[in-house]
Amino acid sequence: MKNTFNVLFWLKKDVRSIENIAYISSRVTLNGKRVEIASGYKISEDKWNSDASCVKVNKDDARSINTALIAIKNKLNNLFCELDKEFGEYLTLENIKQHYLGIEIVKNQKSLIDVFNYHNNQLKALIIKDFAKGTLTRYETTLNLTKEFLKYQYKFPTFP
C-alpha cells in the first residue's frame, strides 16, 4: 500500500493573544490521519491568507515567514521520503513527528508480537515443571487472536 502524505499550514485561532495574534501551525496528514506540529511563528490574523496558507506578501516580515514555512514543508516532505523508504507501510505520524523534532527513534524496539513470542517460548521451557500444557495453549490462542485484531484494526499485513 502506498502512503499518502500532505502538509498544510493554518492559524491556530484557539490560542491567541489580546492583539489577535495567532500561532501558525502545520498539519501533517498521513493516510488520512493527522497530527499538528507547531511552526514557532505567530502572525496577526489580518495578515494571513487562508486560501494560500501563507502570510500576505505585501505585509512586513511576510517574506521571511513564508520562506520559513516553505522550508518546514520541504523538511517534512524530505523526512517523509526518507522514512517511507525505511519503514514502508509501517510508517506512522509519530515517526515523522519524532524525526522532525529531533527525538531519536529506538531501532531495536520490540513489538507486541515479539514480546508475546518471547513469553511463549519461555513458557514452553517451563511446561512440565511449573505450568500445564493448557496454559501454553491459551497463550498461543491469545497471540493468534491479537494478530488477527492487529490485521483487522490497523491493517498490518503479516507477522513473523
N, C-alpha and C. Protein backbone atom coordinates (compact mmCIF):
# COMPACT_ATOMS: atom_id res chain seq x y z
N MET A 1 0.83 -1.18 0.00
CA MET A 1 0.00 0.00 0.00
C MET A 1 0.88 1.25 0.00
N LYS A 2 0.56 2.20 -0.85
CA LYS A 2 1.32 3.43 -0.96
C LYS A 2 0.82 4.44 0.07
N ASN A 3 1.74 5.06 0.78
CA ASN A 3 1.39 6.05 1.79
C ASN A 3 1.04 7.37 1.12
N THR A 4 0.00 8.04 1.61
CA THR A 4 -0.33 9.39 1.15
C THR A 4 0.10 10.38 2.22
N PHE A 5 0.64 11.52 1.78
CA PHE A 5 1.24 12.47 2.71
C PHE A 5 0.93 13.88 2.26
N ASN A 6 0.65 14.78 3.23
CA ASN A 6 0.38 16.17 2.91
C ASN A 6 0.74 17.04 4.11
N VAL A 7 1.16 18.29 3.82
CA VAL A 7 1.46 19.27 4.86
C VAL A 7 0.70 20.54 4.54
N LEU A 8 -0.06 21.04 5.51
CA LEU A 8 -0.79 22.30 5.37
C LEU A 8 -0.46 23.20 6.55
N PHE A 9 -0.58 24.52 6.31
CA PHE A 9 -0.38 25.48 7.39
C PHE A 9 -1.70 26.22 7.63
N TRP A 10 -1.95 26.52 8.89
CA TRP A 10 -3.17 27.23 9.25
C TRP A 10 -2.95 27.97 10.55
N LEU A 11 -3.81 28.95 10.80
CA LEU A 11 -3.72 29.71 12.04
C LEU A 11 -4.46 28.98 13.13
N LYS A 12 -3.80 28.83 14.24
CA LYS A 12 -4.42 28.19 15.40
C LYS A 12 -5.09 29.29 16.21
N LYS A 13 -6.35 29.53 15.89
CA LYS A 13 -7.07 30.67 16.45
C LYS A 13 -7.52 30.46 17.88
N ASP A 14 -7.55 29.22 18.35
CA ASP A 14 -7.98 28.97 19.72
C ASP A 14 -6.93 29.40 20.73
N VAL A 15 -5.69 29.61 20.27
CA VAL A 15 -4.62 30.09 21.15
C VAL A 15 -4.11 31.40 20.57
N ARG A 16 -4.65 32.51 21.06
CA ARG A 16 -4.21 33.80 20.54
C ARG A 16 -4.14 34.81 21.67
N SER A 17 -3.40 35.85 21.38
CA SER A 17 -3.21 36.88 22.40
C SER A 17 -4.28 37.96 22.27
N ILE A 18 -4.16 38.98 23.06
CA ILE A 18 -5.14 40.07 23.09
C ILE A 18 -5.13 40.83 21.76
N GLU A 19 -3.99 40.92 21.10
CA GLU A 19 -3.88 41.70 19.85
C GLU A 19 -4.29 40.90 18.62
N ASN A 20 -5.02 39.79 18.77
CA ASN A 20 -5.45 38.92 17.67
C ASN A 20 -4.27 38.32 16.92
N ILE A 21 -3.22 38.02 17.64
CA ILE A 21 -2.07 37.34 17.05
C ILE A 21 -2.23 35.86 17.32
N ALA A 22 -2.20 35.07 16.25
CA ALA A 22 -2.41 33.62 16.37
C ALA A 22 -1.15 32.89 15.92
N TYR A 23 -0.98 31.69 16.43
CA TYR A 23 0.16 30.86 16.06
C TYR A 23 -0.10 30.14 14.75
N ILE A 24 0.96 30.02 13.94
CA ILE A 24 0.87 29.28 12.69
C ILE A 24 1.24 27.84 13.02
N SER A 25 0.35 26.93 12.69
CA SER A 25 0.56 25.52 12.97
C SER A 25 0.61 24.74 11.66
N SER A 26 1.39 23.68 11.65
CA SER A 26 1.42 22.82 10.47
C SER A 26 0.63 21.56 10.77
N ARG A 27 -0.18 21.16 9.82
CA ARG A 27 -0.97 19.94 9.95
C ARG A 27 -0.39 18.92 8.98
N VAL A 28 0.15 17.86 9.54
CA VAL A 28 0.76 16.80 8.74
C VAL A 28 -0.25 15.65 8.66
N THR A 29 -0.55 15.22 7.43
CA THR A 29 -1.52 14.16 7.22
C THR A 29 -0.84 12.97 6.57
N LEU A 30 -1.04 11.79 7.14
CA LEU A 30 -0.50 10.55 6.60
C LEU A 30 -1.63 9.53 6.55
N ASN A 31 -1.97 9.11 5.34
CA ASN A 31 -3.04 8.11 5.14
C ASN A 31 -4.35 8.50 5.84
N GLY A 32 -4.70 9.78 5.77
CA GLY A 32 -5.95 10.25 6.34
C GLY A 32 -5.91 10.59 7.82
N LYS A 33 -4.83 10.26 8.50
CA LYS A 33 -4.69 10.60 9.92
C LYS A 33 -3.78 11.82 10.00
N ARG A 34 -4.02 12.67 11.01
CA ARG A 34 -3.25 13.90 11.07
C ARG A 34 -2.71 14.19 12.45
N VAL A 35 -1.66 15.03 12.43
CA VAL A 35 -1.05 15.49 13.67
C VAL A 35 -0.61 16.94 13.44
N GLU A 36 -0.62 17.72 14.51
CA GLU A 36 -0.20 19.11 14.43
C GLU A 36 1.21 19.25 14.96
N ILE A 37 1.99 20.09 14.27
CA ILE A 37 3.34 20.42 14.70
C ILE A 37 3.45 21.93 14.69
N ALA A 38 3.87 22.50 15.79
CA ALA A 38 3.99 23.96 15.89
C ALA A 38 5.11 24.45 14.98
N SER A 39 4.85 25.54 14.27
CA SER A 39 5.87 26.10 13.38
C SER A 39 6.80 27.04 14.14
N GLY A 40 6.33 27.58 15.25
CA GLY A 40 7.14 28.52 16.02
C GLY A 40 6.93 29.96 15.60
N TYR A 41 6.01 30.22 14.68
CA TYR A 41 5.74 31.57 14.20
C TYR A 41 4.33 31.98 14.59
N LYS A 42 4.17 33.29 14.77
CA LYS A 42 2.84 33.82 15.03
C LYS A 42 2.66 35.09 14.20
N ILE A 43 1.41 35.37 13.88
CA ILE A 43 1.11 36.49 12.99
C ILE A 43 -0.28 37.02 13.32
N SER A 44 -0.51 38.26 12.99
CA SER A 44 -1.84 38.84 13.16
C SER A 44 -2.80 38.19 12.16
N GLU A 45 -4.02 37.98 12.59
CA GLU A 45 -5.00 37.29 11.75
C GLU A 45 -5.26 38.01 10.44
N ASP A 46 -5.20 39.33 10.43
CA ASP A 46 -5.48 40.07 9.20
C ASP A 46 -4.34 39.97 8.19
N LYS A 47 -3.19 39.48 8.60
CA LYS A 47 -2.06 39.31 7.68
C LYS A 47 -2.00 37.91 7.07
N TRP A 48 -2.92 37.02 7.44
CA TRP A 48 -2.89 35.62 6.99
C TRP A 48 -3.81 35.43 5.80
N ASN A 49 -3.29 34.77 4.77
CA ASN A 49 -4.08 34.40 3.60
C ASN A 49 -4.46 32.93 3.76
N SER A 50 -5.70 32.67 4.16
CA SER A 50 -6.11 31.30 4.45
C SER A 50 -6.24 30.45 3.18
N ASP A 51 -6.54 31.08 2.04
CA ASP A 51 -6.66 30.32 0.79
C ASP A 51 -5.31 29.77 0.34
N ALA A 52 -4.26 30.57 0.49
CA ALA A 52 -2.93 30.15 0.06
C ALA A 52 -2.11 29.54 1.19
N SER A 53 -2.62 29.57 2.42
CA SER A 53 -1.93 29.07 3.61
C SER A 53 -0.56 29.71 3.78
N CYS A 54 -0.55 31.04 3.66
CA CYS A 54 0.70 31.77 3.86
C CYS A 54 0.38 33.19 4.30
N VAL A 55 1.43 33.94 4.63
CA VAL A 55 1.27 35.32 5.05
C VAL A 55 1.11 36.18 3.80
N LYS A 56 0.25 37.20 3.86
CA LYS A 56 0.06 38.10 2.71
C LYS A 56 1.38 38.79 2.40
N VAL A 57 1.77 38.79 1.14
CA VAL A 57 3.11 39.22 0.72
C VAL A 57 3.36 40.70 0.95
N ASN A 58 2.36 41.55 0.86
CA ASN A 58 2.61 42.98 0.99
C ASN A 58 2.81 43.45 2.43
N LYS A 59 2.74 42.57 3.37
CA LYS A 59 2.93 42.95 4.77
C LYS A 59 4.38 42.74 5.19
N ASP A 60 4.79 43.46 6.25
CA ASP A 60 6.15 43.36 6.75
C ASP A 60 6.43 41.98 7.34
N ASP A 61 7.64 41.51 7.21
CA ASP A 61 8.11 40.19 7.69
C ASP A 61 7.44 39.02 6.97
N ALA A 62 6.63 39.29 5.97
CA ALA A 62 5.90 38.22 5.30
C ALA A 62 6.83 37.29 4.54
N ARG A 63 7.79 37.85 3.83
CA ARG A 63 8.68 37.01 3.02
C ARG A 63 9.50 36.06 3.88
N SER A 64 10.00 36.54 5.01
CA SER A 64 10.82 35.68 5.86
C SER A 64 9.98 34.55 6.48
N ILE A 65 8.77 34.87 6.89
CA ILE A 65 7.91 33.83 7.47
C ILE A 65 7.49 32.83 6.40
N ASN A 66 7.11 33.33 5.20
CA ASN A 66 6.73 32.43 4.11
C ASN A 66 7.88 31.53 3.70
N THR A 67 9.09 32.08 3.67
CA THR A 67 10.27 31.27 3.35
C THR A 67 10.50 30.20 4.41
N ALA A 68 10.30 30.57 5.67
CA ALA A 68 10.46 29.59 6.75
C ALA A 68 9.39 28.50 6.65
N LEU A 69 8.17 28.87 6.29
CA LEU A 69 7.10 27.87 6.16
C LEU A 69 7.40 26.92 5.00
N ILE A 70 7.93 27.45 3.92
CA ILE A 70 8.31 26.60 2.79
C ILE A 70 9.43 25.65 3.20
N ALA A 71 10.39 26.15 3.99
CA ALA A 71 11.48 25.30 4.47
C ALA A 71 10.96 24.19 5.37
N ILE A 72 9.99 24.51 6.23
CA ILE A 72 9.38 23.49 7.10
C ILE A 72 8.68 22.43 6.26
N LYS A 73 7.93 22.88 5.26
CA LYS A 73 7.21 21.94 4.40
C LYS A 73 8.18 21.05 3.63
N ASN A 74 9.27 21.64 3.12
CA ASN A 74 10.28 20.85 2.41
C ASN A 74 10.96 19.84 3.33
N LYS A 75 11.27 20.26 4.55
CA LYS A 75 11.90 19.35 5.50
C LYS A 75 10.98 18.17 5.82
N LEU A 76 9.69 18.46 6.03
CA LEU A 76 8.75 17.38 6.32
C LEU A 76 8.57 16.45 5.12
N ASN A 77 8.54 17.01 3.91
CA ASN A 77 8.43 16.18 2.71
C ASN A 77 9.67 15.29 2.54
N ASN A 78 10.85 15.85 2.79
CA ASN A 78 12.08 15.05 2.69
C ASN A 78 12.11 13.96 3.75
N LEU A 79 11.67 14.29 4.96
CA LEU A 79 11.60 13.28 6.03
C LEU A 79 10.65 12.16 5.63
N PHE A 80 9.51 12.52 5.05
CA PHE A 80 8.56 11.50 4.62
C PHE A 80 9.20 10.57 3.60
N CYS A 81 9.90 11.13 2.62
CA CYS A 81 10.53 10.30 1.59
C CYS A 81 11.55 9.34 2.21
N GLU A 82 12.38 9.85 3.12
CA GLU A 82 13.39 9.01 3.79
C GLU A 82 12.72 7.90 4.61
N LEU A 83 11.78 8.29 5.45
CA LEU A 83 11.15 7.33 6.35
C LEU A 83 10.24 6.36 5.62
N ASP A 84 9.67 6.79 4.50
CA ASP A 84 8.82 5.88 3.72
C ASP A 84 9.66 4.75 3.14
N LYS A 85 10.90 5.06 2.75
CA LYS A 85 11.80 4.00 2.26
C LYS A 85 12.20 3.06 3.39
N GLU A 86 12.41 3.62 4.58
CA GLU A 86 12.88 2.82 5.71
C GLU A 86 11.76 1.98 6.34
N PHE A 87 10.60 2.61 6.59
CA PHE A 87 9.52 1.94 7.31
C PHE A 87 8.45 1.37 6.40
N GLY A 88 8.29 1.92 5.20
CA GLY A 88 7.27 1.45 4.27
C GLY A 88 5.88 1.61 4.86
N GLU A 89 5.10 0.53 4.83
CA GLU A 89 3.72 0.61 5.30
C GLU A 89 3.62 0.72 6.81
N TYR A 90 4.72 0.55 7.54
CA TYR A 90 4.70 0.68 9.00
C TYR A 90 5.01 2.11 9.46
N LEU A 91 5.13 3.03 8.51
CA LEU A 91 5.40 4.43 8.84
C LEU A 91 4.21 5.03 9.56
N THR A 92 4.49 5.75 10.65
CA THR A 92 3.43 6.39 11.42
C THR A 92 3.69 7.89 11.53
N LEU A 93 2.68 8.61 11.91
CA LEU A 93 2.84 10.05 12.14
C LEU A 93 3.81 10.32 13.28
N GLU A 94 3.80 9.45 14.28
CA GLU A 94 4.74 9.61 15.39
C GLU A 94 6.19 9.52 14.92
N ASN A 95 6.47 8.60 13.98
CA ASN A 95 7.83 8.51 13.43
C ASN A 95 8.23 9.82 12.77
N ILE A 96 7.35 10.37 11.97
CA ILE A 96 7.64 11.62 11.27
C ILE A 96 7.82 12.76 12.26
N LYS A 97 6.91 12.87 13.22
CA LYS A 97 6.98 13.95 14.21
C LYS A 97 8.25 13.84 15.05
N GLN A 98 8.59 12.64 15.49
CA GLN A 98 9.79 12.46 16.31
C GLN A 98 11.05 12.81 15.53
N HIS A 99 11.14 12.39 14.28
CA HIS A 99 12.30 12.75 13.46
C HIS A 99 12.37 14.26 13.25
N TYR A 100 11.24 14.88 12.98
CA TYR A 100 11.23 16.33 12.76
C TYR A 100 11.67 17.08 14.00
N LEU A 101 11.20 16.65 15.16
CA LEU A 101 11.54 17.31 16.41
C LEU A 101 12.90 16.90 16.96
N GLY A 102 13.56 15.94 16.29
CA GLY A 102 14.89 15.52 16.70
C GLY A 102 14.90 14.49 17.81
N ILE A 103 13.78 13.84 18.04
CA ILE A 103 13.71 12.79 19.04
C ILE A 103 14.12 11.49 18.37
N GLU A 104 15.10 10.83 18.95
CA GLU A 104 15.63 9.62 18.33
C GLU A 104 14.68 8.44 18.53
N ILE A 105 14.47 7.70 17.45
CA ILE A 105 13.62 6.52 17.49
C ILE A 105 14.51 5.32 17.80
N VAL A 106 14.07 4.50 18.73
CA VAL A 106 14.82 3.30 19.10
C VAL A 106 14.66 2.27 17.99
N LYS A 107 15.78 1.87 17.38
CA LYS A 107 15.72 0.94 16.25
C LYS A 107 15.40 -0.48 16.69
N ASN A 108 15.92 -0.93 17.81
CA ASN A 108 15.73 -2.32 18.23
C ASN A 108 14.55 -2.47 19.18
N GLN A 109 13.58 -1.64 19.01
CA GLN A 109 12.41 -1.70 19.86
C GLN A 109 11.60 -2.96 19.53
N LYS A 110 11.16 -3.63 20.55
CA LYS A 110 10.41 -4.88 20.38
C LYS A 110 8.93 -4.57 20.15
N SER A 111 8.32 -5.33 19.27
CA SER A 111 6.89 -5.17 19.03
C SER A 111 6.11 -6.04 20.02
N LEU A 112 4.83 -5.84 20.06
CA LEU A 112 3.97 -6.64 20.93
C LEU A 112 4.07 -8.12 20.57
N ILE A 113 4.11 -8.41 19.29
CA ILE A 113 4.19 -9.80 18.83
C ILE A 113 5.54 -10.42 19.22
N ASP A 114 6.62 -9.65 19.14
CA ASP A 114 7.93 -10.15 19.56
C ASP A 114 7.93 -10.52 21.05
N VAL A 115 7.35 -9.66 21.86
CA VAL A 115 7.31 -9.92 23.30
C VAL A 115 6.43 -11.13 23.60
N PHE A 116 5.32 -11.23 22.89
CA PHE A 116 4.42 -12.38 23.06
C PHE A 116 5.14 -13.68 22.72
N ASN A 117 5.86 -13.70 21.58
CA ASN A 117 6.60 -14.90 21.17
C ASN A 117 7.68 -15.26 22.19
N TYR A 118 8.39 -14.25 22.70
CA TYR A 118 9.41 -14.48 23.72
C TYR A 118 8.79 -15.12 24.96
N HIS A 119 7.68 -14.56 25.40
CA HIS A 119 6.99 -15.09 26.57
C HIS A 119 6.57 -16.55 26.36
N ASN A 120 5.99 -16.82 25.19
CA ASN A 120 5.52 -18.19 24.92
C ASN A 120 6.68 -19.17 24.85
N ASN A 121 7.81 -18.75 24.31
CA ASN A 121 8.99 -19.63 24.26
C ASN A 121 9.52 -19.90 25.66
N GLN A 122 9.50 -18.89 26.52
CA GLN A 122 9.93 -19.08 27.90
C GLN A 122 8.97 -20.04 28.62
N LEU A 123 7.70 -19.92 28.33
CA LEU A 123 6.70 -20.77 28.96
C LEU A 123 6.84 -22.23 28.51
N LYS A 124 7.21 -22.44 27.24
CA LYS A 124 7.41 -23.81 26.74
C LYS A 124 8.47 -24.55 27.54
N ALA A 125 9.51 -23.83 27.95
CA ALA A 125 10.58 -24.45 28.72
C ALA A 125 10.12 -24.86 30.12
N LEU A 126 9.07 -24.23 30.61
CA LEU A 126 8.59 -24.50 31.96
C LEU A 126 7.32 -25.34 32.01
N ILE A 127 6.93 -25.92 30.88
CA ILE A 127 5.65 -26.64 30.78
C ILE A 127 5.51 -27.75 31.82
N ILE A 128 6.39 -28.69 31.83
CA ILE A 128 6.22 -29.85 32.72
C ILE A 128 6.51 -29.47 34.16
N LYS A 129 7.49 -28.62 34.36
CA LYS A 129 7.95 -28.29 35.70
C LYS A 129 6.96 -27.39 36.47
N ASP A 130 6.54 -26.29 35.85
CA ASP A 130 5.74 -25.30 36.59
C ASP A 130 4.35 -25.03 36.02
N PHE A 131 4.14 -25.31 34.75
CA PHE A 131 2.87 -24.96 34.11
C PHE A 131 2.27 -26.15 33.37
N ALA A 132 0.96 -26.13 33.23
CA ALA A 132 0.27 -27.17 32.47
C ALA A 132 0.30 -26.82 30.98
N LYS A 133 0.16 -27.82 30.14
CA LYS A 133 0.18 -27.61 28.69
C LYS A 133 -0.97 -26.71 28.25
N GLY A 134 -2.10 -26.77 28.93
CA GLY A 134 -3.26 -25.92 28.61
C GLY A 134 -2.96 -24.44 28.75
N THR A 135 -2.06 -24.10 29.66
CA THR A 135 -1.68 -22.70 29.85
C THR A 135 -1.00 -22.17 28.59
N LEU A 136 -0.08 -22.96 28.05
CA LEU A 136 0.60 -22.56 26.81
C LEU A 136 -0.40 -22.45 25.66
N THR A 137 -1.33 -23.38 25.59
CA THR A 137 -2.34 -23.35 24.53
C THR A 137 -3.16 -22.07 24.60
N ARG A 138 -3.51 -21.64 25.80
CA ARG A 138 -4.29 -20.40 25.96
C ARG A 138 -3.47 -19.18 25.54
N TYR A 139 -2.19 -19.15 25.89
CA TYR A 139 -1.33 -18.03 25.48
C TYR A 139 -1.15 -18.00 23.96
N GLU A 140 -1.01 -19.17 23.34
CA GLU A 140 -0.88 -19.22 21.87
C GLU A 140 -2.18 -18.77 21.20
N THR A 141 -3.31 -19.13 21.77
CA THR A 141 -4.60 -18.67 21.25
C THR A 141 -4.71 -17.15 21.37
N THR A 142 -4.30 -16.63 22.51
CA THR A 142 -4.32 -15.18 22.71
C THR A 142 -3.42 -14.48 21.71
N LEU A 143 -2.24 -15.04 21.43
CA LEU A 143 -1.33 -14.47 20.44
C LEU A 143 -1.99 -14.45 19.07
N ASN A 144 -2.60 -15.53 18.67
CA ASN A 144 -3.25 -15.59 17.36
C ASN A 144 -4.41 -14.59 17.26
N LEU A 145 -5.19 -14.47 18.32
CA LEU A 145 -6.28 -13.50 18.31
C LEU A 145 -5.76 -12.07 18.28
N THR A 146 -4.65 -11.82 18.95
CA THR A 146 -4.04 -10.49 18.91
C THR A 146 -3.55 -10.16 17.51
N LYS A 147 -2.94 -11.13 16.82
CA LYS A 147 -2.50 -10.92 15.44
C LYS A 147 -3.69 -10.62 14.53
N GLU A 148 -4.78 -11.36 14.70
CA GLU A 148 -5.97 -11.13 13.89
C GLU A 148 -6.54 -9.73 14.15
N PHE A 149 -6.54 -9.31 15.41
CA PHE A 149 -7.03 -7.98 15.75
C PHE A 149 -6.17 -6.91 15.10
N LEU A 150 -4.85 -7.06 15.18
CA LEU A 150 -3.96 -6.07 14.59
C LEU A 150 -4.12 -6.00 13.07
N LYS A 151 -4.33 -7.15 12.44
CA LYS A 151 -4.58 -7.16 11.00
C LYS A 151 -5.87 -6.44 10.66
N TYR A 152 -6.90 -6.69 11.46
CA TYR A 152 -8.21 -6.09 11.21
C TYR A 152 -8.21 -4.59 11.52
N GLN A 153 -7.74 -4.23 12.71
CA GLN A 153 -7.85 -2.85 13.17
C GLN A 153 -6.84 -1.93 12.52
N TYR A 154 -5.58 -2.36 12.37
CA TYR A 154 -4.51 -1.50 11.90
C TYR A 154 -4.00 -1.87 10.51
N LYS A 155 -4.62 -2.83 9.89
CA LYS A 155 -4.31 -3.26 8.53
C LYS A 155 -2.85 -3.72 8.38
N PHE A 156 -2.30 -4.35 9.43
CA PHE A 156 -0.97 -4.93 9.35
C PHE A 156 -1.08 -6.17 8.46
N PRO A 157 -0.21 -6.32 7.46
CA PRO A 157 -0.36 -7.43 6.52
C PRO A 157 0.00 -8.79 7.09
N THR A 158 1.23 -8.96 7.55
CA THR A 158 1.67 -10.26 8.06
C THR A 158 2.58 -10.08 9.26
N PHE A 159 2.75 -11.17 9.98
CA PHE A 159 3.63 -11.16 11.13
C PHE A 159 4.59 -12.34 11.01
N PRO A 160 5.79 -12.20 11.57
CA PRO A 160 6.74 -13.32 11.50
C PRO A 160 6.31 -14.49 12.36
